[in-house]
Amino acid sequence: MSFQTDSLPLASFLFTTKRLKFLGCEPEGSRLVFVFDDPESVGESLQISFESGAECPAAAFYDSVRHLRRIMTRVQNRSNEHGFNQAR
């Protein structure tokens, strides 16, 4: 089972805390989603925790944002090369 989100801040939090294994970023319609392995179905509860103010190290969070943005850019470029998501 997987957990998906199109929220960069939430994905960065999940990536930083390593509570779920990051599987990748992929186009879904006109947006990109971050996909995490969620064998125990805890993604939604982690999202609620994040939205309620869960903490993680700021420097690691910032690094995760930068890393995931680079991944997003690569996926967007690859999608555009193949003719997907042209209406963005």
N, C-alpha and C. Protein backbone atom coordinates (compact mmCIF):
# COMPACT_ATOMS: atom_id res chain seq x y z
N MET A 1 0.85 -1.18 0.00
CA MET A 1 0.00 0.00 0.00
C MET A 1 0.89 1.24 0.00
N SER A 2 0.40 2.30 -0.62
CA SER A 2 1.19 3.52 -0.68
C SER A 2 0.36 4.71 -0.20
N PHE A 3 1.07 5.75 0.17
CA PHE A 3 0.47 7.02 0.56
C PHE A 3 0.97 8.05 -0.44
N GLN A 4 0.05 8.85 -0.99
CA GLN A 4 0.41 9.87 -1.98
C GLN A 4 -0.03 11.23 -1.50
N THR A 5 0.77 12.23 -1.84
CA THR A 5 0.40 13.61 -1.55
C THR A 5 0.98 14.51 -2.63
N ASP A 6 0.27 15.60 -2.91
CA ASP A 6 0.81 16.60 -3.83
C ASP A 6 1.36 17.80 -3.04
N SER A 7 1.40 17.69 -1.73
CA SER A 7 1.89 18.75 -0.85
C SER A 7 3.40 18.60 -0.64
N LEU A 8 4.16 19.56 -1.15
CA LEU A 8 5.61 19.55 -0.96
C LEU A 8 5.98 19.64 0.53
N PRO A 9 5.34 20.50 1.32
CA PRO A 9 5.70 20.54 2.75
C PRO A 9 5.45 19.20 3.46
N LEU A 10 4.31 18.58 3.22
CA LEU A 10 4.03 17.29 3.84
C LEU A 10 5.03 16.24 3.36
N ALA A 11 5.28 16.19 2.07
CA ALA A 11 6.25 15.22 1.54
C ALA A 11 7.63 15.45 2.15
N SER A 12 8.01 16.70 2.32
CA SER A 12 9.31 17.02 2.92
C SER A 12 9.36 16.56 4.37
N PHE A 13 8.27 16.73 5.10
CA PHE A 13 8.19 16.26 6.48
C PHE A 13 8.34 14.74 6.52
N LEU A 14 7.60 14.04 5.67
CA LEU A 14 7.68 12.58 5.65
C LEU A 14 9.08 12.11 5.25
N PHE A 15 9.67 12.80 4.29
CA PHE A 15 11.02 12.47 3.84
C PHE A 15 12.03 12.70 4.96
N THR A 16 11.87 13.80 5.68
CA THR A 16 12.78 14.15 6.76
C THR A 16 12.69 13.18 7.92
N THR A 17 11.47 12.85 8.32
CA THR A 17 11.29 11.99 9.50
C THR A 17 11.53 10.52 9.19
N LYS A 18 11.52 10.16 7.90
CA LYS A 18 11.74 8.78 7.46
C LYS A 18 10.75 7.79 8.07
N ARG A 19 9.55 8.29 8.40
CA ARG A 19 8.51 7.40 8.92
C ARG A 19 7.94 6.52 7.82
N LEU A 20 7.98 7.03 6.58
CA LEU A 20 7.56 6.26 5.41
C LEU A 20 8.69 6.32 4.40
N LYS A 21 8.88 5.23 3.67
CA LYS A 21 9.94 5.18 2.66
C LYS A 21 9.47 5.90 1.40
N PHE A 22 10.29 6.83 0.93
CA PHE A 22 9.99 7.58 -0.28
C PHE A 22 10.20 6.68 -1.50
N LEU A 23 9.18 6.58 -2.33
CA LEU A 23 9.24 5.75 -3.52
C LEU A 23 9.48 6.55 -4.79
N GLY A 24 9.06 7.82 -4.79
CA GLY A 24 9.28 8.64 -5.97
C GLY A 24 8.21 9.69 -6.14
N CYS A 25 8.33 10.37 -7.27
CA CYS A 25 7.41 11.44 -7.64
C CYS A 25 6.92 11.11 -9.04
N GLU A 26 5.63 11.26 -9.26
CA GLU A 26 5.09 10.91 -10.58
C GLU A 26 3.95 11.83 -10.96
N PRO A 27 3.76 12.01 -12.27
CA PRO A 27 2.63 12.82 -12.72
C PRO A 27 1.32 12.10 -12.46
N GLU A 28 0.34 12.89 -12.07
CA GLU A 28 -1.02 12.37 -11.91
C GLU A 28 -1.96 13.46 -12.42
N GLY A 29 -2.43 13.28 -13.62
CA GLY A 29 -3.24 14.33 -14.24
C GLY A 29 -2.36 15.55 -14.51
N SER A 30 -2.81 16.69 -14.04
CA SER A 30 -2.06 17.93 -14.27
C SER A 30 -1.16 18.30 -13.11
N ARG A 31 -0.93 17.39 -12.19
CA ARG A 31 -0.09 17.69 -11.03
C ARG A 31 0.91 16.55 -10.80
N LEU A 32 1.81 16.78 -9.87
CA LEU A 32 2.77 15.76 -9.48
C LEU A 32 2.41 15.29 -8.08
N VAL A 33 2.60 14.01 -7.83
CA VAL A 33 2.37 13.48 -6.49
C VAL A 33 3.64 12.79 -6.01
N PHE A 34 3.86 12.88 -4.71
CA PHE A 34 4.94 12.19 -4.05
C PHE A 34 4.37 10.88 -3.51
N VAL A 35 5.08 9.80 -3.73
CA VAL A 35 4.58 8.48 -3.35
C VAL A 35 5.50 7.89 -2.28
N PHE A 36 4.87 7.42 -1.21
CA PHE A 36 5.59 6.81 -0.10
C PHE A 36 5.04 5.41 0.15
N ASP A 37 5.92 4.50 0.52
CA ASP A 37 5.50 3.16 0.91
C ASP A 37 4.82 3.27 2.28
N ASP A 38 3.62 2.73 2.38
CA ASP A 38 2.83 2.86 3.61
C ASP A 38 2.18 1.52 3.96
N PRO A 39 3.00 0.51 4.28
CA PRO A 39 2.44 -0.82 4.53
C PRO A 39 1.53 -0.90 5.75
N GLU A 40 1.69 0.02 6.68
CA GLU A 40 0.88 0.01 7.91
C GLU A 40 -0.27 1.02 7.86
N SER A 41 -0.45 1.69 6.72
CA SER A 41 -1.53 2.67 6.52
C SER A 41 -1.52 3.77 7.58
N VAL A 42 -0.34 4.35 7.80
CA VAL A 42 -0.22 5.42 8.79
C VAL A 42 -0.08 6.80 8.14
N GLY A 43 -0.10 6.85 6.81
CA GLY A 43 0.10 8.11 6.10
C GLY A 43 -0.87 9.20 6.50
N GLU A 44 -2.15 8.86 6.58
CA GLU A 44 -3.14 9.88 6.94
C GLU A 44 -2.94 10.39 8.36
N SER A 45 -2.58 9.51 9.29
CA SER A 45 -2.34 9.97 10.66
C SER A 45 -1.08 10.82 10.74
N LEU A 46 -0.08 10.51 9.93
CA LEU A 46 1.11 11.36 9.89
C LEU A 46 0.78 12.72 9.28
N GLN A 47 -0.11 12.75 8.31
CA GLN A 47 -0.54 14.01 7.73
C GLN A 47 -1.25 14.86 8.78
N ILE A 48 -2.13 14.25 9.55
CA ILE A 48 -2.83 14.98 10.61
C ILE A 48 -1.83 15.49 11.64
N SER A 49 -0.86 14.66 11.98
CA SER A 49 0.17 15.08 12.93
C SER A 49 0.94 16.27 12.39
N PHE A 50 1.32 16.22 11.11
CA PHE A 50 2.04 17.33 10.48
C PHE A 50 1.20 18.60 10.51
N GLU A 51 -0.05 18.48 10.14
CA GLU A 51 -0.94 19.64 10.10
C GLU A 51 -1.23 20.20 11.50
N SER A 52 -1.01 19.38 12.52
CA SER A 52 -1.24 19.80 13.91
C SER A 52 0.02 20.37 14.55
N GLY A 53 1.11 20.41 13.79
CA GLY A 53 2.32 21.06 14.30
C GLY A 53 3.45 20.12 14.69
N ALA A 54 3.47 18.92 14.16
CA ALA A 54 4.57 18.00 14.46
C ALA A 54 5.90 18.66 14.08
N GLU A 55 6.92 18.34 14.82
CA GLU A 55 8.22 18.97 14.61
C GLU A 55 9.22 18.01 13.99
N CYS A 56 10.17 18.60 13.30
CA CYS A 56 11.31 17.86 12.78
C CYS A 56 12.46 18.86 12.67
N PRO A 57 13.69 18.38 12.54
CA PRO A 57 14.83 19.30 12.46
C PRO A 57 14.72 20.24 11.25
N ALA A 58 14.85 21.53 11.51
CA ALA A 58 14.65 22.53 10.46
C ALA A 58 15.64 22.38 9.30
N ALA A 59 16.90 22.16 9.59
CA ALA A 59 17.89 22.04 8.53
C ALA A 59 17.61 20.82 7.65
N ALA A 60 17.23 19.72 8.27
CA ALA A 60 16.90 18.51 7.50
C ALA A 60 15.65 18.73 6.67
N PHE A 61 14.66 19.44 7.22
CA PHE A 61 13.44 19.74 6.48
C PHE A 61 13.77 20.59 5.25
N TYR A 62 14.60 21.61 5.43
CA TYR A 62 15.00 22.47 4.33
C TYR A 62 15.72 21.66 3.25
N ASP A 63 16.63 20.78 3.66
CA ASP A 63 17.33 19.92 2.70
C ASP A 63 16.35 19.03 1.94
N SER A 64 15.34 18.52 2.65
CA SER A 64 14.33 17.68 2.00
C SER A 64 13.54 18.46 0.98
N VAL A 65 13.16 19.69 1.30
CA VAL A 65 12.44 20.54 0.35
C VAL A 65 13.27 20.72 -0.91
N ARG A 66 14.53 21.05 -0.75
CA ARG A 66 15.41 21.26 -1.90
C ARG A 66 15.56 19.97 -2.73
N HIS A 67 15.74 18.85 -2.06
CA HIS A 67 15.90 17.57 -2.75
C HIS A 67 14.63 17.20 -3.53
N LEU A 68 13.48 17.33 -2.89
CA LEU A 68 12.22 16.96 -3.54
C LEU A 68 11.89 17.92 -4.70
N ARG A 69 12.26 19.18 -4.57
CA ARG A 69 12.06 20.11 -5.69
C ARG A 69 12.88 19.71 -6.90
N ARG A 70 14.12 19.25 -6.67
CA ARG A 70 14.94 18.79 -7.79
C ARG A 70 14.29 17.58 -8.45
N ILE A 71 13.76 16.67 -7.64
CA ILE A 71 13.08 15.51 -8.20
C ILE A 71 11.86 15.95 -8.99
N MET A 72 11.08 16.90 -8.45
CA MET A 72 9.91 17.41 -9.15
C MET A 72 10.29 17.97 -10.52
N THR A 73 11.36 18.74 -10.55
CA THR A 73 11.80 19.35 -11.80
C THR A 73 12.18 18.29 -12.83
N ARG A 74 12.89 17.25 -12.39
CA ARG A 74 13.25 16.17 -13.32
C ARG A 74 12.01 15.46 -13.85
N VAL A 75 11.05 15.19 -12.98
CA VAL A 75 9.82 14.51 -13.41
C VAL A 75 9.03 15.40 -14.36
N GLN A 76 8.93 16.69 -14.05
CA GLN A 76 8.21 17.62 -14.94
C GLN A 76 8.88 17.68 -16.30
N ASN A 77 10.20 17.78 -16.31
CA ASN A 77 10.92 17.85 -17.58
C ASN A 77 10.73 16.58 -18.39
N ARG A 78 10.81 15.44 -17.73
CA ARG A 78 10.61 14.16 -18.41
C ARG A 78 9.19 14.05 -18.94
N SER A 79 8.22 14.50 -18.16
CA SER A 79 6.81 14.45 -18.59
C SER A 79 6.59 15.36 -19.78
N ASN A 80 7.19 16.54 -19.75
CA ASN A 80 7.04 17.48 -20.87
C ASN A 80 7.68 16.94 -22.13
N GLU A 81 8.80 16.24 -21.98
CA GLU A 81 9.46 15.64 -23.15
C GLU A 81 8.59 14.59 -23.80
N HIS A 82 7.77 13.93 -22.99
CA HIS A 82 6.92 12.86 -23.52
C HIS A 82 5.51 13.35 -23.83
N GLY A 83 5.28 14.66 -23.69
CA GLY A 83 4.00 15.23 -24.08
C GLY A 83 2.92 15.19 -23.02
N PHE A 84 3.27 14.86 -21.78
CA PHE A 84 2.28 14.83 -20.70
C PHE A 84 2.21 16.21 -20.06
N ASN A 85 1.06 16.50 -19.47
CA ASN A 85 0.87 17.69 -18.64
C ASN A 85 1.15 19.00 -19.38
N GLN A 86 0.85 19.05 -20.64
CA GLN A 86 1.10 20.27 -21.39
C GLN A 86 0.19 21.42 -20.97
N ALA A 87 -0.91 21.14 -20.30
CA ALA A 87 -1.87 22.18 -19.91
C ALA A 87 -1.53 22.82 -18.59
N ARG A 88 -0.40 22.55 -18.02
CA ARG A 88 -0.05 23.07 -16.69
C ARG A 88 0.01 24.53 -16.71
